Amino acid sequence: MLQKTADRPATLALGTSRVTTTFRDALDDAANRSGISTHEFVLRAAAEKLQASGRHFSGLFSPGDVNAAR
């Protein structure tokens, strides 16, 4: 069982990823249209997928921000 502790900021190190140019362009376009950085767009998409699979966490950048974005 996971113990509840106070959530605090944590660094997430993502390595260099190589993707096709068409995927990169589509990702950049979607992020730009959303008005957020590509990095934030990817993290928000991952958070939504984690929530959909039943994972629980307080937020992405701050507590409650993932639910507020919906």
PDB file of N, CA and C in Angstrom:
ATOM      1  N   MET A   1       0.837  -1.179   0.000  1.00  0.00           N
ATOM      2  CA  MET A   1       0.000   0.000   0.000  1.00  0.00           C
ATOM      3  C   MET A   1       0.886   1.248   0.000  1.00  0.00           C
ATOM      4  N   LEU A   2       0.562   2.214  -0.828  1.00  0.00           N
ATOM      5  CA  LEU A   2       1.327   3.447  -0.901  1.00  0.00           C
ATOM      6  C   LEU A   2       0.998   4.336   0.282  1.00  0.00           C
ATOM      7  N   GLN A   3       2.034   4.898   0.885  1.00  0.00           N
ATOM      8  CA  GLN A   3       1.811   5.834   1.963  1.00  0.00           C
ATOM      9  C   GLN A   3       1.596   7.216   1.375  1.00  0.00           C
ATOM     10  N   LYS A   4       0.674   7.959   1.972  1.00  0.00           N
ATOM     11  CA  LYS A   4       0.426   9.316   1.509  1.00  0.00           C
ATOM     12  C   LYS A   4       1.449  10.252   2.133  1.00  0.00           C
ATOM     13  N   THR A   5       2.111  11.002   1.290  1.00  0.00           N
ATOM     14  CA  THR A   5       3.062  12.001   1.747  1.00  0.00           C
ATOM     15  C   THR A   5       2.742  13.303   1.036  1.00  0.00           C
ATOM     16  N   ALA A   6       3.263  14.384   1.557  1.00  0.00           N
ATOM     17  CA  ALA A   6       3.044  15.674   0.906  1.00  0.00           C
ATOM     18  C   ALA A   6       3.696  15.659  -0.468  1.00  0.00           C
ATOM     19  N   ASP A   7       2.937  16.112  -1.459  1.00  0.00           N
ATOM     20  CA  ASP A   7       3.482  16.190  -2.816  1.00  0.00           C
ATOM     21  C   ASP A   7       4.424  17.371  -2.897  1.00  0.00           C
ATOM     22  N   ARG A   8       5.555  17.175  -3.543  1.00  0.00           N
ATOM     23  CA  ARG A   8       6.519  18.248  -3.716  1.00  0.00           C
ATOM     24  C   ARG A   8       7.022  18.212  -5.158  1.00  0.00           C
ATOM     25  N   PRO A   9       7.550  19.318  -5.653  1.00  0.00           N
ATOM     26  CA  PRO A   9       8.076  19.335  -7.019  1.00  0.00           C
ATOM     27  C   PRO A   9       9.203  18.313  -7.194  1.00  0.00           C
ATOM     28  N   ALA A  10       9.243  17.716  -8.355  1.00  0.00           N
ATOM     29  CA  ALA A  10      10.281  16.731  -8.667  1.00  0.00           C
ATOM     30  C   ALA A  10      10.725  16.932 -10.111  1.00  0.00           C
ATOM     31  N   THR A  11      11.995  16.738 -10.350  1.00  0.00           N
ATOM     32  CA  THR A  11      12.540  16.839 -11.699  1.00  0.00           C
ATOM     33  C   THR A  11      12.260  15.541 -12.446  1.00  0.00           C
ATOM     34  N   LEU A  12      11.813  15.659 -13.677  1.00  0.00           N
ATOM     35  CA  LEU A  12      11.572  14.501 -14.525  1.00  0.00           C
ATOM     36  C   LEU A  12      12.559  14.575 -15.680  1.00  0.00           C
ATOM     37  N   ALA A  13      13.535  13.699 -15.670  1.00  0.00           N
ATOM     38  CA  ALA A  13      14.549  13.698 -16.719  1.00  0.00           C
ATOM     39  C   ALA A  13      14.091  12.796 -17.860  1.00  0.00           C
ATOM     40  N   LEU A  14      13.847  13.392 -18.992  1.00  0.00           N
ATOM     41  CA  LEU A  14      13.463  12.636 -20.181  1.00  0.00           C
ATOM     42  C   LEU A  14      14.638  12.668 -21.147  1.00  0.00           C
ATOM     43  N   GLY A  15      15.060  11.512 -21.580  1.00  0.00           N
ATOM     44  CA  GLY A  15      16.196  11.430 -22.494  1.00  0.00           C
ATOM     45  C   GLY A  15      15.834  11.964 -23.871  1.00  0.00           C
ATOM     46  N   THR A  16      16.819  12.065 -24.702  1.00  0.00           N
ATOM     47  CA  THR A  16      16.605  12.505 -26.073  1.00  0.00           C
ATOM     48  C   THR A  16      15.876  11.409 -26.839  1.00  0.00           C
ATOM     49  N   SER A  17      14.768  11.778 -27.417  1.00  0.00           N
ATOM     50  CA  SER A  17      13.973  10.814 -28.185  1.00  0.00           C
ATOM     51  C   SER A  17      14.031  11.171 -29.657  1.00  0.00           C
ATOM     52  N   ARG A  18      14.078  10.148 -30.488  1.00  0.00           N
ATOM     53  CA  ARG A  18      14.071  10.367 -31.933  1.00  0.00           C
ATOM     54  C   ARG A  18      12.737   9.862 -32.473  1.00  0.00           C
ATOM     55  N   VAL A  19      12.059  10.742 -33.205  1.00  0.00           N
ATOM     56  CA  VAL A  19      10.766  10.414 -33.792  1.00  0.00           C
ATOM     57  C   VAL A  19      10.793  10.833 -35.261  1.00  0.00           C
ATOM     58  N   THR A  20       9.779  10.453 -35.982  1.00  0.00           N
ATOM     59  CA  THR A  20       9.710  10.882 -37.385  1.00  0.00           C
ATOM     60  C   THR A  20       9.406  12.376 -37.446  1.00  0.00           C
ATOM     61  N   THR A  21       9.794  12.985 -38.520  1.00  0.00           N
ATOM     62  CA  THR A  21       9.539  14.423 -38.656  1.00  0.00           C
ATOM     63  C   THR A  21       8.042  14.717 -38.727  1.00  0.00           C
ATOM     64  N   THR A  22       7.271  13.824 -39.345  1.00  0.00           N
ATOM     65  CA  THR A  22       5.830  14.079 -39.430  1.00  0.00           C
ATOM     66  C   THR A  22       5.175  14.007 -38.053  1.00  0.00           C
ATOM     67  N   PHE A  23       5.642  13.087 -37.184  1.00  0.00           N
ATOM     68  CA  PHE A  23       5.114  13.025 -35.819  1.00  0.00           C
ATOM     69  C   PHE A  23       5.505  14.286 -35.062  1.00  0.00           C
ATOM     70  N   ARG A  24       6.769  14.682 -35.165  1.00  0.00           N
ATOM     71  CA  ARG A  24       7.237  15.891 -34.479  1.00  0.00           C
ATOM     72  C   ARG A  24       6.445  17.111 -34.918  1.00  0.00           C
ATOM     73  N   ASP A  25       6.210  17.228 -36.227  1.00  0.00           N
ATOM     74  CA  ASP A  25       5.463  18.373 -36.738  1.00  0.00           C
ATOM     75  C   ASP A  25       4.026  18.368 -36.238  1.00  0.00           C
ATOM     76  N   ALA A  26       3.401  17.190 -36.212  1.00  0.00           N
ATOM     77  CA  ALA A  26       2.023  17.087 -35.724  1.00  0.00           C
ATOM     78  C   ALA A  26       1.959  17.429 -34.239  1.00  0.00           C
ATOM     79  N   LEU A  27       2.930  16.963 -33.470  1.00  0.00           N
ATOM     80  CA  LEU A  27       2.983  17.238 -32.042  1.00  0.00           C
ATOM     81  C   LEU A  27       3.198  18.732 -31.785  1.00  0.00           C
ATOM     82  N   ASP A  28       4.142  19.330 -32.482  1.00  0.00           N
ATOM     83  CA  ASP A  28       4.390  20.766 -32.341  1.00  0.00           C
ATOM     84  C   ASP A  28       3.150  21.578 -32.704  1.00  0.00           C
ATOM     85  N   ASP A  29       2.477  21.195 -33.786  1.00  0.00           N
ATOM     86  CA  ASP A  29       1.279  21.901 -34.223  1.00  0.00           C
ATOM     87  C   ASP A  29       0.177  21.809 -33.170  1.00  0.00           C
ATOM     88  N   ALA A  30      -0.051  20.613 -32.639  1.00  0.00           N
ATOM     89  CA  ALA A  30      -1.098  20.438 -31.624  1.00  0.00           C
ATOM     90  C   ALA A  30      -0.783  21.239 -30.364  1.00  0.00           C
ATOM     91  N   ALA A  31       0.469  21.238 -29.945  1.00  0.00           N
ATOM     92  CA  ALA A  31       0.860  22.009 -28.758  1.00  0.00           C
ATOM     93  C   ALA A  31       0.682  23.500 -29.003  1.00  0.00           C
ATOM     94  N   ASN A  32       1.104  23.967 -30.166  1.00  0.00           N
ATOM     95  CA  ASN A  32       0.944  25.390 -30.496  1.00  0.00           C
ATOM     96  C   ASN A  32      -0.518  25.796 -30.516  1.00  0.00           C
ATOM     97  N   ARG A  33      -1.361  24.956 -31.076  1.00  0.00           N
ATOM     98  CA  ARG A  33      -2.799  25.253 -31.130  1.00  0.00           C
ATOM     99  C   ARG A  33      -3.424  25.268 -29.736  1.00  0.00           C
ATOM    100  N   SER A  34      -2.832  24.506 -28.819  1.00  0.00           N
ATOM    101  CA  SER A  34      -3.312  24.486 -27.434  1.00  0.00           C
ATOM    102  C   SER A  34      -2.734  25.636 -26.612  1.00  0.00           C
ATOM    103  N   GLY A  35      -1.737  26.314 -27.165  1.00  0.00           N
ATOM    104  CA  GLY A  35      -1.133  27.442 -26.471  1.00  0.00           C
ATOM    105  C   GLY A  35      -0.171  27.039 -25.362  1.00  0.00           C
ATOM    106  N   ILE A  36       0.380  25.831 -25.470  1.00  0.00           N
ATOM    107  CA  ILE A  36       1.328  25.351 -24.464  1.00  0.00           C
ATOM    108  C   ILE A  36       2.566  24.799 -25.161  1.00  0.00           C
ATOM    109  N   SER A  37       3.614  24.594 -24.380  1.00  0.00           N
ATOM    110  CA  SER A  37       4.843  24.051 -24.964  1.00  0.00           C
ATOM    111  C   SER A  37       4.644  22.590 -25.343  1.00  0.00           C
ATOM    112  N   THR A  38       5.489  22.111 -26.238  1.00  0.00           N
ATOM    113  CA  THR A  38       5.439  20.709 -26.628  1.00  0.00           C
ATOM    114  C   THR A  38       5.683  19.812 -25.423  1.00  0.00           C
ATOM    115  N   HIS A  39       6.625  20.200 -24.578  1.00  0.00           N
ATOM    116  CA  HIS A  39       6.944  19.429 -23.370  1.00  0.00           C
ATOM    117  C   HIS A  39       5.707  19.313 -22.469  1.00  0.00           C
ATOM    118  N   GLU A  40       5.025  20.437 -22.216  1.00  0.00           N
ATOM    119  CA  GLU A  40       3.819  20.410 -21.379  1.00  0.00           C
ATOM    120  C   GLU A  40       2.715  19.583 -22.037  1.00  0.00           C
ATOM    121  N   PHE A  41       2.579  19.697 -23.360  1.00  0.00           N
ATOM    122  CA  PHE A  41       1.554  18.941 -24.079  1.00  0.00           C
ATOM    123  C   PHE A  41       1.762  17.437 -23.884  1.00  0.00           C
ATOM    124  N   VAL A  42       3.001  16.987 -24.009  1.00  0.00           N
ATOM    125  CA  VAL A  42       3.319  15.570 -23.846  1.00  0.00           C
ATOM    126  C   VAL A  42       3.052  15.119 -22.415  1.00  0.00           C
ATOM    127  N   LEU A  43       3.461  15.917 -21.435  1.00  0.00           N
ATOM    128  CA  LEU A  43       3.233  15.551 -20.037  1.00  0.00           C
ATOM    129  C   LEU A  43       1.742  15.511 -19.704  1.00  0.00           C
ATOM    130  N   ARG A  44       0.968  16.459 -20.224  1.00  0.00           N
ATOM    131  CA  ARG A  44      -0.486  16.446 -19.979  1.00  0.00           C
ATOM    132  C   ARG A  44      -1.142  15.213 -20.615  1.00  0.00           C
ATOM    133  N   ALA A  45      -0.694  14.854 -21.817  1.00  0.00           N
ATOM    134  CA  ALA A  45      -1.234  13.659 -22.472  1.00  0.00           C
ATOM    135  C   ALA A  45      -0.922  12.409 -21.644  1.00  0.00           C
ATOM    136  N   ALA A  46       0.298  12.341 -21.114  1.00  0.00           N
ATOM    137  CA  ALA A  46       0.676  11.199 -20.272  1.00  0.00           C
ATOM    138  C   ALA A  46      -0.165  11.173 -18.997  1.00  0.00           C
ATOM    139  N   ALA A  47      -0.396  12.337 -18.397  1.00  0.00           N
ATOM    140  CA  ALA A  47      -1.214  12.406 -17.183  1.00  0.00           C
ATOM    141  C   ALA A  47      -2.636  11.932 -17.452  1.00  0.00           C
ATOM    142  N   GLU A  48      -3.213  12.347 -18.579  1.00  0.00           N
ATOM    143  CA  GLU A  48      -4.563  11.911 -18.935  1.00  0.00           C
ATOM    144  C   GLU A  48      -4.618  10.399 -19.133  1.00  0.00           C
ATOM    145  N   LYS A  49      -3.605   9.850 -19.768  1.00  0.00           N
ATOM    146  CA  LYS A  49      -3.560   8.402 -19.989  1.00  0.00           C
ATOM    147  C   LYS A  49      -3.418   7.660 -18.664  1.00  0.00           C
ATOM    148  N   LEU A  50      -2.577   8.161 -17.766  1.00  0.00           N
ATOM    149  CA  LEU A  50      -2.427   7.540 -16.450  1.00  0.00           C
ATOM    150  C   LEU A  50      -3.749   7.574 -15.677  1.00  0.00           C
ATOM    151  N   GLN A  51      -4.435   8.707 -15.705  1.00  0.00           N
ATOM    152  CA  GLN A  51      -5.734   8.798 -15.027  1.00  0.00           C
ATOM    153  C   GLN A  51      -6.733   7.813 -15.627  1.00  0.00           C
ATOM    154  N   ALA A  52      -6.768   7.732 -16.945  1.00  0.00           N
ATOM    155  CA  ALA A  52      -7.705   6.833 -17.620  1.00  0.00           C
ATOM    156  C   ALA A  52      -7.442   5.374 -17.274  1.00  0.00           C
ATOM    157  N   SER A  53      -6.185   5.055 -16.938  1.00  0.00           N
ATOM    158  CA  SER A  53      -5.851   3.671 -16.589  1.00  0.00           C
ATOM    159  C   SER A  53      -6.019   3.401 -15.094  1.00  0.00           C
ATOM    160  N   GLY A  54      -6.526   4.394 -14.361  1.00  0.00           N
ATOM    161  CA  GLY A  54      -6.814   4.200 -12.955  1.00  0.00           C
ATOM    162  C   GLY A  54      -5.725   4.623 -11.987  1.00  0.00           C
ATOM    163  N   ARG A  55      -4.664   5.227 -12.487  1.00  0.00           N
ATOM    164  CA  ARG A  55      -3.603   5.709 -11.601  1.00  0.00           C
ATOM    165  C   ARG A  55      -4.067   6.966 -10.890  1.00  0.00           C
ATOM    166  N   HIS A  56      -3.630   7.126  -9.666  1.00  0.00           N
ATOM    167  CA  HIS A  56      -4.024   8.286  -8.872  1.00  0.00           C
ATOM    168  C   HIS A  56      -2.797   9.099  -8.492  1.00  0.00           C
ATOM    169  N   PHE A  57      -2.889  10.411  -8.684  1.00  0.00           N
ATOM    170  CA  PHE A  57      -1.839  11.345  -8.301  1.00  0.00           C
ATOM    171  C   PHE A  57      -2.514  12.688  -8.091  1.00  0.00           C
ATOM    172  N   SER A  58      -1.882  13.542  -7.303  1.00  0.00           N
ATOM    173  CA  SER A  58      -2.536  14.796  -6.922  1.00  0.00           C
ATOM    174  C   SER A  58      -2.629  15.811  -8.058  1.00  0.00           C
ATOM    175  N   GLY A  59      -1.682  15.778  -8.967  1.00  0.00           N
ATOM    176  CA  GLY A  59      -1.672  16.732 -10.065  1.00  0.00           C
ATOM    177  C   GLY A  59      -0.421  16.543 -10.895  1.00  0.00           C
ATOM    178  N   LEU A  60      -0.299  17.351 -11.914  1.00  0.00           N
ATOM    179  CA  LEU A  60       0.864  17.272 -12.794  1.00  0.00           C
ATOM    180  C   LEU A  60       1.918  18.293 -12.380  1.00  0.00           C
ATOM    181  N   PHE A  61       1.582  19.566 -12.472  1.00  0.00           N
ATOM    182  CA  PHE A  61       2.505  20.621 -12.073  1.00  0.00           C
ATOM    183  C   PHE A  61       2.191  21.145 -10.683  1.00  0.00           C
ATOM    184  N   SER A  62       0.920  21.046 -10.281  1.00  0.00           N
ATOM    185  CA  SER A  62       0.487  21.407  -8.940  1.00  0.00           C
ATOM    186  C   SER A  62      -0.771  20.603  -8.626  1.00  0.00           C
ATOM    187  N   PRO A  63      -1.058  20.375  -7.356  1.00  0.00           N
ATOM    188  CA  PRO A  63      -2.231  19.564  -6.995  1.00  0.00           C
ATOM    189  C   PRO A  63      -3.512  20.088  -7.642  1.00  0.00           C
ATOM    190  N   GLY A  64      -4.260  19.194  -8.280  1.00  0.00           N
ATOM    191  CA  GLY A  64      -5.547  19.526  -8.880  1.00  0.00           C
ATOM    192  C   GLY A  64      -5.509  20.078 -10.278  1.00  0.00           C
ATOM    193  N   ASP A  65      -4.338  20.326 -10.844  1.00  0.00           N
ATOM    194  CA  ASP A  65      -4.291  20.960 -12.159  1.00  0.00           C
ATOM    195  C   ASP A  65      -4.728  20.062 -13.308  1.00  0.00           C
ATOM    196  N   VAL A  66      -4.604  18.767 -13.189  1.00  0.00           N
ATOM    197  CA  VAL A  66      -5.011  17.868 -14.279  1.00  0.00           C
ATOM    198  C   VAL A  66      -6.532  17.835 -14.370  1.00  0.00           C
ATOM    199  N   ASN A  67      -7.201  17.734 -13.247  1.00  0.00           N
ATOM    200  CA  ASN A  67      -8.666  17.727 -13.245  1.00  0.00           C
ATOM    201  C   ASN A  67      -9.227  19.072 -13.681  1.00  0.00           C
ATOM    202  N   ALA A  68      -8.552  20.154 -13.323  1.00  0.00           N
ATOM    203  CA  ALA A  68      -9.017  21.486 -13.690  1.00  0.00           C
ATOM    204  C   ALA A  68      -8.928  21.727 -15.190  1.00  0.00           C
ATOM    205  N   ALA A  69      -7.992  21.048 -15.867  1.00  0.00           N
ATOM    206  CA  ALA A  69      -7.796  21.247 -17.303  1.00  0.00           C
ATOM    207  C   ALA A  69      -8.857  20.551 -18.130  1.00  0.00           C
ATOM    208  N   ARG A  70      -9.601  19.650 -17.541  1.00  0.00           N
ATOM    209  CA  ARG A  70     -10.615  18.898 -18.286  1.00  0.00           C
ATOM    210  C   ARG A  70     -11.840  19.688 -18.546  1.00  0.00           C
TER     211      ARG A  70
END
